[in-house]
PDB file of all heavy atoms in Angstrom:
ATOM      1  N   SER A   1    -233.059  50.503 145.391  1.00  0.00           N
ATOM      2  CA  SER A   1    -233.033  50.996 143.968  1.00  0.00           C
ATOM      3  C   SER A   1    -234.528  51.404 143.638  1.00  0.00           C
ATOM      4  O   SER A   1    -235.441  51.114 144.377  1.00  0.00           O
ATOM      5  CB  SER A   1    -232.641  49.795 143.134  1.00  0.00           C
ATOM      6  OG  SER A   1    -233.643  48.890 142.942  1.00  0.00           O
ATOM      7  N   SER A   2    -234.728  52.041 142.422  1.00  0.00           N
ATOM      8  CA  SER A   2    -236.109  52.430 142.239  1.00  0.00           C
ATOM      9  C   SER A   2    -236.968  51.226 141.866  1.00  0.00           C
ATOM     10  O   SER A   2    -238.130  51.228 142.273  1.00  0.00           O
ATOM     11  CB  SER A   2    -235.980  53.395 140.947  1.00  0.00           C
ATOM     12  OG  SER A   2    -235.382  52.695 139.816  1.00  0.00           O
ATOM     13  N   LEU A   3    -236.499  50.164 141.256  1.00  0.00           N
ATOM     14  CA  LEU A   3    -237.355  49.026 141.020  1.00  0.00           C
ATOM     15  C   LEU A   3    -237.759  48.342 142.411  1.00  0.00           C
ATOM     16  O   LEU A   3    -238.897  48.105 142.650  1.00  0.00           O
ATOM     17  CB  LEU A   3    -236.595  47.983 140.178  1.00  0.00           C
ATOM     18  CG  LEU A   3    -237.450  46.718 139.825  1.00  0.00           C
ATOM     19  CD1 LEU A   3    -237.124  46.068 138.551  1.00  0.00           C
ATOM     20  CD2 LEU A   3    -237.210  45.623 140.897  1.00  0.00           C
ATOM     21  N   THR A   4    -236.822  48.217 143.288  1.00  0.00           N
ATOM     22  CA  THR A   4    -237.078  47.725 144.481  1.00  0.00           C
ATOM     23  C   THR A   4    -238.169  48.445 145.266  1.00  0.00           C
ATOM     24  O   THR A   4    -239.207  47.982 145.869  1.00  0.00           O
ATOM     25  CB  THR A   4    -235.809  47.688 145.519  1.00  0.00           C
ATOM     26  OG1 THR A   4    -234.747  47.121 144.695  1.00  0.00           O
ATOM     27  CG2 THR A   4    -236.013  47.084 146.819  1.00  0.00           C
ATOM     28  N   ARG A   5    -238.017  49.816 145.330  1.00  0.00           N
ATOM     29  CA  ARG A   5    -239.038  50.599 145.909  1.00  0.00           C
ATOM     30  C   ARG A   5    -240.417  50.573 145.262  1.00  0.00           C
ATOM     31  O   ARG A   5    -241.471  50.547 145.903  1.00  0.00           O
ATOM     32  CB  ARG A   5    -238.537  52.049 145.970  1.00  0.00           C
ATOM     33  CG  ARG A   5    -237.268  52.263 146.864  1.00  0.00           C
ATOM     34  CD  ARG A   5    -237.013  53.753 147.077  1.00  0.00           C
ATOM     35  NE  ARG A   5    -236.672  54.361 145.849  1.00  0.00           N
ATOM     36  CZ  ARG A   5    -235.378  54.467 145.398  1.00  0.00           C
ATOM     37  NH1 ARG A   5    -234.401  53.919 145.965  1.00  0.00           N
ATOM     38  NH2 ARG A   5    -235.136  55.081 144.255  1.00  0.00           N
ATOM     39  N   ASP A   6    -240.429  50.517 143.910  1.00  0.00           N
ATOM     40  CA  ASP A   6    -241.677  50.385 143.075  1.00  0.00           C
ATOM     41  C   ASP A   6    -242.383  49.053 143.586  1.00  0.00           C
ATOM     42  O   ASP A   6    -243.565  49.038 143.763  1.00  0.00           O
ATOM     43  CB  ASP A   6    -241.466  50.379 141.596  1.00  0.00           C
ATOM     44  CG  ASP A   6    -241.081  51.752 141.117  1.00  0.00           C
ATOM     45  OD1 ASP A   6    -241.346  52.727 141.849  1.00  0.00           O
ATOM     46  OD2 ASP A   6    -240.478  51.838 140.072  1.00  0.00           O
ATOM     47  N   VAL A   7    -241.617  48.002 143.615  1.00  0.00           N
ATOM     48  CA  VAL A   7    -242.275  46.645 143.969  1.00  0.00           C
ATOM     49  C   VAL A   7    -242.841  46.731 145.349  1.00  0.00           C
ATOM     50  O   VAL A   7    -243.992  46.363 145.657  1.00  0.00           O
ATOM     51  CB  VAL A   7    -241.299  45.463 143.919  1.00  0.00           C
ATOM     52  CG1 VAL A   7    -241.790  44.130 144.388  1.00  0.00           C
ATOM     53  CG2 VAL A   7    -240.929  45.390 142.468  1.00  0.00           C
ATOM     54  N   TRP A   8    -242.057  47.288 146.265  1.00  0.00           N
ATOM     55  CA  TRP A   8    -242.467  47.196 147.759  1.00  0.00           C
ATOM     56  C   TRP A   8    -243.748  48.128 147.932  1.00  0.00           C
ATOM     57  O   TRP A   8    -244.610  47.897 148.677  1.00  0.00           O
ATOM     58  CB  TRP A   8    -241.338  47.968 148.549  1.00  0.00           C
ATOM     59  CG  TRP A   8    -240.171  46.998 148.821  1.00  0.00           C
ATOM     60  CD1 TRP A   8    -240.110  45.614 148.499  1.00  0.00           C
ATOM     61  CD2 TRP A   8    -238.990  47.322 149.381  1.00  0.00           C
ATOM     62  NE1 TRP A   8    -238.937  45.062 148.872  1.00  0.00           N
ATOM     63  CE2 TRP A   8    -238.256  46.101 149.363  1.00  0.00           C
ATOM     64  CE3 TRP A   8    -238.485  48.478 149.970  1.00  0.00           C
ATOM     65  CZ2 TRP A   8    -236.960  46.120 149.874  1.00  0.00           C
ATOM     66  CZ3 TRP A   8    -237.140  48.522 150.397  1.00  0.00           C
ATOM     67  CH2 TRP A   8    -236.422  47.274 150.451  1.00  0.00           C
ATOM     68  N   GLN A   9    -243.816  49.231 146.988  1.00  0.00           N
ATOM     69  CA  GLN A   9    -244.859  50.109 147.210  1.00  0.00           C
ATOM     70  C   GLN A   9    -246.182  49.897 146.241  1.00  0.00           C
ATOM     71  O   GLN A   9    -247.058  50.665 146.215  1.00  0.00           O
ATOM     72  CB  GLN A   9    -244.526  51.545 146.917  1.00  0.00           C
ATOM     73  CG  GLN A   9    -243.411  51.979 148.007  1.00  0.00           C
ATOM     74  CD  GLN A   9    -242.737  53.263 147.708  1.00  0.00           C
ATOM     75  OE1 GLN A   9    -243.218  54.054 146.843  1.00  0.00           O
ATOM     76  NE2 GLN A   9    -241.537  53.431 148.322  1.00  0.00           N
ATOM     77  N   GLY A  10    -246.055  48.647 145.637  1.00  0.00           N
ATOM     78  CA  GLY A  10    -247.218  48.293 144.781  1.00  0.00           C
ATOM     79  C   GLY A  10    -247.318  48.913 143.449  1.00  0.00           C
ATOM     80  O   GLY A  10    -248.438  49.095 142.787  1.00  0.00           O
ATOM     81  N   ARG A  11    -246.300  49.660 143.019  1.00  0.00           N
ATOM     82  CA  ARG A  11    -246.400  50.354 141.698  1.00  0.00           C
ATOM     83  C   ARG A  11    -245.860  49.498 140.574  1.00  0.00           C
ATOM     84  O   ARG A  11    -245.067  48.614 140.782  1.00  0.00           O
ATOM     85  CB  ARG A  11    -245.502  51.665 141.878  1.00  0.00           C
ATOM     86  CG  ARG A  11    -245.991  52.591 142.845  1.00  0.00           C
ATOM     87  CD  ARG A  11    -245.327  53.967 142.686  1.00  0.00           C
ATOM     88  NE  ARG A  11    -243.847  53.858 142.898  1.00  0.00           N
ATOM     89  CZ  ARG A  11    -243.175  54.308 143.970  1.00  0.00           C
ATOM     90  NH1 ARG A  11    -243.833  54.914 144.906  1.00  0.00           N
ATOM     91  NH2 ARG A  11    -241.872  54.167 144.061  1.00  0.00           N
ATOM     92  N   PRO A  12    -246.082  49.943 139.355  1.00  0.00           N
ATOM     93  CA  PRO A  12    -245.556  49.219 138.140  1.00  0.00           C
ATOM     94  C   PRO A  12    -244.074  49.389 138.212  1.00  0.00           C
ATOM     95  O   PRO A  12    -243.654  50.399 138.562  1.00  0.00           O
ATOM     96  CB  PRO A  12    -246.234  49.894 136.911  1.00  0.00           C
ATOM     97  CG  PRO A  12    -247.484  50.409 137.427  1.00  0.00           C
ATOM     98  CD  PRO A  12    -247.216  50.842 138.926  1.00  0.00           C
ATOM     99  N   SER A  13    -243.424  48.295 137.821  1.00  0.00           N
ATOM    100  CA  SER A  13    -241.865  48.377 137.890  1.00  0.00           C
ATOM    101  C   SER A  13    -241.218  47.992 136.552  1.00  0.00           C
ATOM    102  O   SER A  13    -242.051  47.814 135.568  1.00  0.00           O
ATOM    103  CB  SER A  13    -241.380  47.361 138.980  1.00  0.00           C
ATOM    104  OG  SER A  13    -241.499  46.070 138.474  1.00  0.00           O
ATOM    105  N   GLU A  14    -239.992  48.034 136.649  1.00  0.00           N
ATOM    106  CA  GLU A  14    -239.177  47.743 135.352  1.00  0.00           C
ATOM    107  C   GLU A  14    -238.743  46.246 135.260  1.00  0.00           C
ATOM    108  O   GLU A  14    -237.879  45.906 134.597  1.00  0.00           O
ATOM    109  CB  GLU A  14    -237.957  48.615 135.255  1.00  0.00           C
ATOM    110  CG  GLU A  14    -238.255  50.074 135.010  1.00  0.00           C
ATOM    111  CD  GLU A  14    -236.934  50.882 134.826  1.00  0.00           C
ATOM    112  OE1 GLU A  14    -236.026  50.593 135.332  1.00  0.00           O
ATOM    113  OE2 GLU A  14    -237.012  51.976 134.217  1.00  0.00           O
ATOM    114  N   ILE A  15    -239.490  45.346 136.010  1.00  0.00           N
ATOM    115  CA  ILE A  15    -239.026  44.057 136.143  1.00  0.00           C
ATOM    116  C   ILE A  15    -238.891  43.302 134.756  1.00  0.00           C
ATOM    117  O   ILE A  15    -238.034  42.477 134.575  1.00  0.00           O
ATOM    118  CB  ILE A  15    -239.957  43.167 137.123  1.00  0.00           C
ATOM    119  CG1 ILE A  15    -239.412  41.836 137.386  1.00  0.00           C
ATOM    120  CG2 ILE A  15    -241.399  43.029 136.508  1.00  0.00           C
ATOM    121  CD1 ILE A  15    -238.029  41.836 138.129  1.00  0.00           C
ATOM    122  N   GLU A  16    -239.834  43.626 133.927  1.00  0.00           N
ATOM    123  CA  GLU A  16    -239.756  43.052 132.472  1.00  0.00           C
ATOM    124  C   GLU A  16    -238.465  43.465 131.754  1.00  0.00           C
ATOM    125  O   GLU A  16    -237.897  42.663 130.919  1.00  0.00           O
ATOM    126  CB  GLU A  16    -240.927  43.426 131.569  1.00  0.00           C
ATOM    127  CG  GLU A  16    -242.276  42.886 132.103  1.00  0.00           C
ATOM    128  CD  GLU A  16    -242.345  41.290 131.951  1.00  0.00           C
ATOM    129  OE1 GLU A  16    -241.571  40.775 131.249  1.00  0.00           O
ATOM    130  OE2 GLU A  16    -243.214  40.650 132.689  1.00  0.00           O
ATOM    131  N   TYR A  17    -237.855  44.673 132.162  1.00  0.00           N
ATOM    132  CA  TYR A  17    -236.689  45.085 131.489  1.00  0.00           C
ATOM    133  C   TYR A  17    -235.463  44.816 132.282  1.00  0.00           C
ATOM    134  O   TYR A  17    -234.379  45.052 131.817  1.00  0.00           O
ATOM    135  CB  TYR A  17    -236.858  46.641 131.306  1.00  0.00           C
ATOM    136  CG  TYR A  17    -237.809  47.043 130.130  1.00  0.00           C
ATOM    137  CD1 TYR A  17    -239.119  46.963 130.517  1.00  0.00           C
ATOM    138  CD2 TYR A  17    -237.371  47.280 128.930  1.00  0.00           C
ATOM    139  CE1 TYR A  17    -240.103  47.350 129.432  1.00  0.00           C
ATOM    140  CE2 TYR A  17    -238.299  47.559 127.814  1.00  0.00           C
ATOM    141  CZ  TYR A  17    -239.639  47.577 128.179  1.00  0.00           C
ATOM    142  OH  TYR A  17    -240.560  47.822 127.139  1.00  0.00           O
ATOM    143  N   GLN A  18    -235.604  44.164 133.379  1.00  0.00           N
ATOM    144  CA  GLN A  18    -234.385  43.686 134.096  1.00  0.00           C
ATOM    145  C   GLN A  18    -234.329  42.239 134.197  1.00  0.00           C
ATOM    146  O   GLN A  18    -234.112  41.478 133.170  1.00  0.00           O
ATOM    147  CB  GLN A  18    -234.497  44.401 135.497  1.00  0.00           C
ATOM    148  CG  GLN A  18    -234.301  45.922 135.428  1.00  0.00           C
ATOM    149  CD  GLN A  18    -234.138  46.679 136.662  1.00  0.00           C
ATOM    150  OE1 GLN A  18    -233.672  46.138 137.703  1.00  0.00           O
ATOM    151  NE2 GLN A  18    -234.477  47.953 136.792  1.00  0.00           N
ATOM    152  N   ASN A  19    -234.751  41.502 135.267  1.00  0.00           N
ATOM    153  CA  ASN A  19    -234.635  40.111 135.342  1.00  0.00           C
ATOM    154  C   ASN A  19    -235.528  39.355 134.286  1.00  0.00           C
ATOM    155  O   ASN A  19    -235.205  38.395 133.781  1.00  0.00           O
ATOM    156  CB  ASN A  19    -234.974  39.648 136.652  1.00  0.00           C
ATOM    157  CG  ASN A  19    -234.256  40.369 137.830  1.00  0.00           C
ATOM    158  OD1 ASN A  19    -234.767  41.367 138.267  1.00  0.00           O
ATOM    159  ND2 ASN A  19    -233.055  39.764 138.229  1.00  0.00           N
ATOM    160  N   GLY A  20    -236.679  40.052 133.943  1.00  0.00           N
ATOM    161  CA  GLY A  20    -237.564  39.500 132.919  1.00  0.00           C
ATOM    162  C   GLY A  20    -236.803  39.396 131.520  1.00  0.00           C
ATOM    163  O   GLY A  20    -236.888  38.350 130.774  1.00  0.00           O
ATOM    164  N   THR A  21    -236.015  40.394 131.290  1.00  0.00           N
ATOM    165  CA  THR A  21    -235.232  40.244 130.008  1.00  0.00           C
ATOM    166  C   THR A  21    -234.114  39.254 130.069  1.00  0.00           C
ATOM    167  O   THR A  21    -233.845  38.531 128.941  1.00  0.00           O
ATOM    168  CB  THR A  21    -234.565  41.754 129.763  1.00  0.00           C
ATOM    169  OG1 THR A  21    -235.506  42.636 129.558  1.00  0.00           O
ATOM    170  CG2 THR A  21    -233.725  41.637 128.538  1.00  0.00           C
ATOM    171  N   VAL A  22    -233.556  38.999 131.295  1.00  0.00           N
ATOM    172  CA  VAL A  22    -232.515  37.970 131.429  1.00  0.00           C
ATOM    173  C   VAL A  22    -233.211  36.619 131.152  1.00  0.00           C
ATOM    174  O   VAL A  22    -232.610  35.792 130.411  1.00  0.00           O
ATOM    175  CB  VAL A  22    -231.917  38.003 132.850  1.00  0.00           C
ATOM    176  CG1 VAL A  22    -230.967  36.722 133.026  1.00  0.00           C
ATOM    177  CG2 VAL A  22    -231.209  39.248 133.170  1.00  0.00           C
ATOM    178  N   VAL A  23    -234.363  36.386 131.571  1.00  0.00           N
ATOM    179  CA  VAL A  23    -235.032  35.134 131.540  1.00  0.00           C
ATOM    180  C   VAL A  23    -235.338  34.855 130.007  1.00  0.00           C
ATOM    181  O   VAL A  23    -235.116  33.792 129.489  1.00  0.00           O
ATOM    182  CB  VAL A  23    -236.307  35.111 132.247  1.00  0.00           C
ATOM    183  CG1 VAL A  23    -237.257  33.820 131.940  1.00  0.00           C
ATOM    184  CG2 VAL A  23    -236.039  35.197 133.875  1.00  0.00           C
ATOM    185  N   LYS A  24    -235.832  35.926 129.302  1.00  0.00           N
ATOM    186  CA  LYS A  24    -236.266  35.737 127.954  1.00  0.00           C
ATOM    187  C   LYS A  24    -235.118  35.531 127.018  1.00  0.00           C
ATOM    188  O   LYS A  24    -235.073  34.778 126.024  1.00  0.00           O
ATOM    189  CB  LYS A  24    -237.014  37.053 127.550  1.00  0.00           C
ATOM    190  CG  LYS A  24    -238.445  37.088 128.145  1.00  0.00           C
ATOM    191  CD  LYS A  24    -239.128  38.402 127.739  1.00  0.00           C
ATOM    192  CE  LYS A  24    -240.600  38.323 128.427  1.00  0.00           C
ATOM    193  NZ  LYS A  24    -240.581  38.361 129.881  1.00  0.00           N
ATOM    194  N   PHE A  25    -233.961  36.331 127.324  1.00  0.00           N
ATOM    195  CA  PHE A  25    -232.805  36.078 126.609  1.00  0.00           C
ATOM    196  C   PHE A  25    -232.117  34.799 126.854  1.00  0.00           C
ATOM    197  O   PHE A  25    -231.645  34.042 125.957  1.00  0.00           O
ATOM    198  CB  PHE A  25    -231.721  37.330 126.864  1.00  0.00           C
ATOM    199  CG  PHE A  25    -231.912  38.471 125.987  1.00  0.00           C
ATOM    200  CD1 PHE A  25    -233.077  39.106 125.821  1.00  0.00           C
ATOM    201  CD2 PHE A  25    -230.850  38.982 125.258  1.00  0.00           C
ATOM    202  CE1 PHE A  25    -233.264  40.273 124.948  1.00  0.00           C
ATOM    203  CE2 PHE A  25    -230.949  40.072 124.470  1.00  0.00           C
ATOM    204  CZ  PHE A  25    -232.180  40.752 124.409  1.00  0.00           C
TER     205      PHE A  25
END
């Protein structure tokens, strides 16, 4: 996925809008 590739390549990702949102909710 795009998030996976972003993390692997050291780019800013959507983690706050995915698993991060799950944690906060």
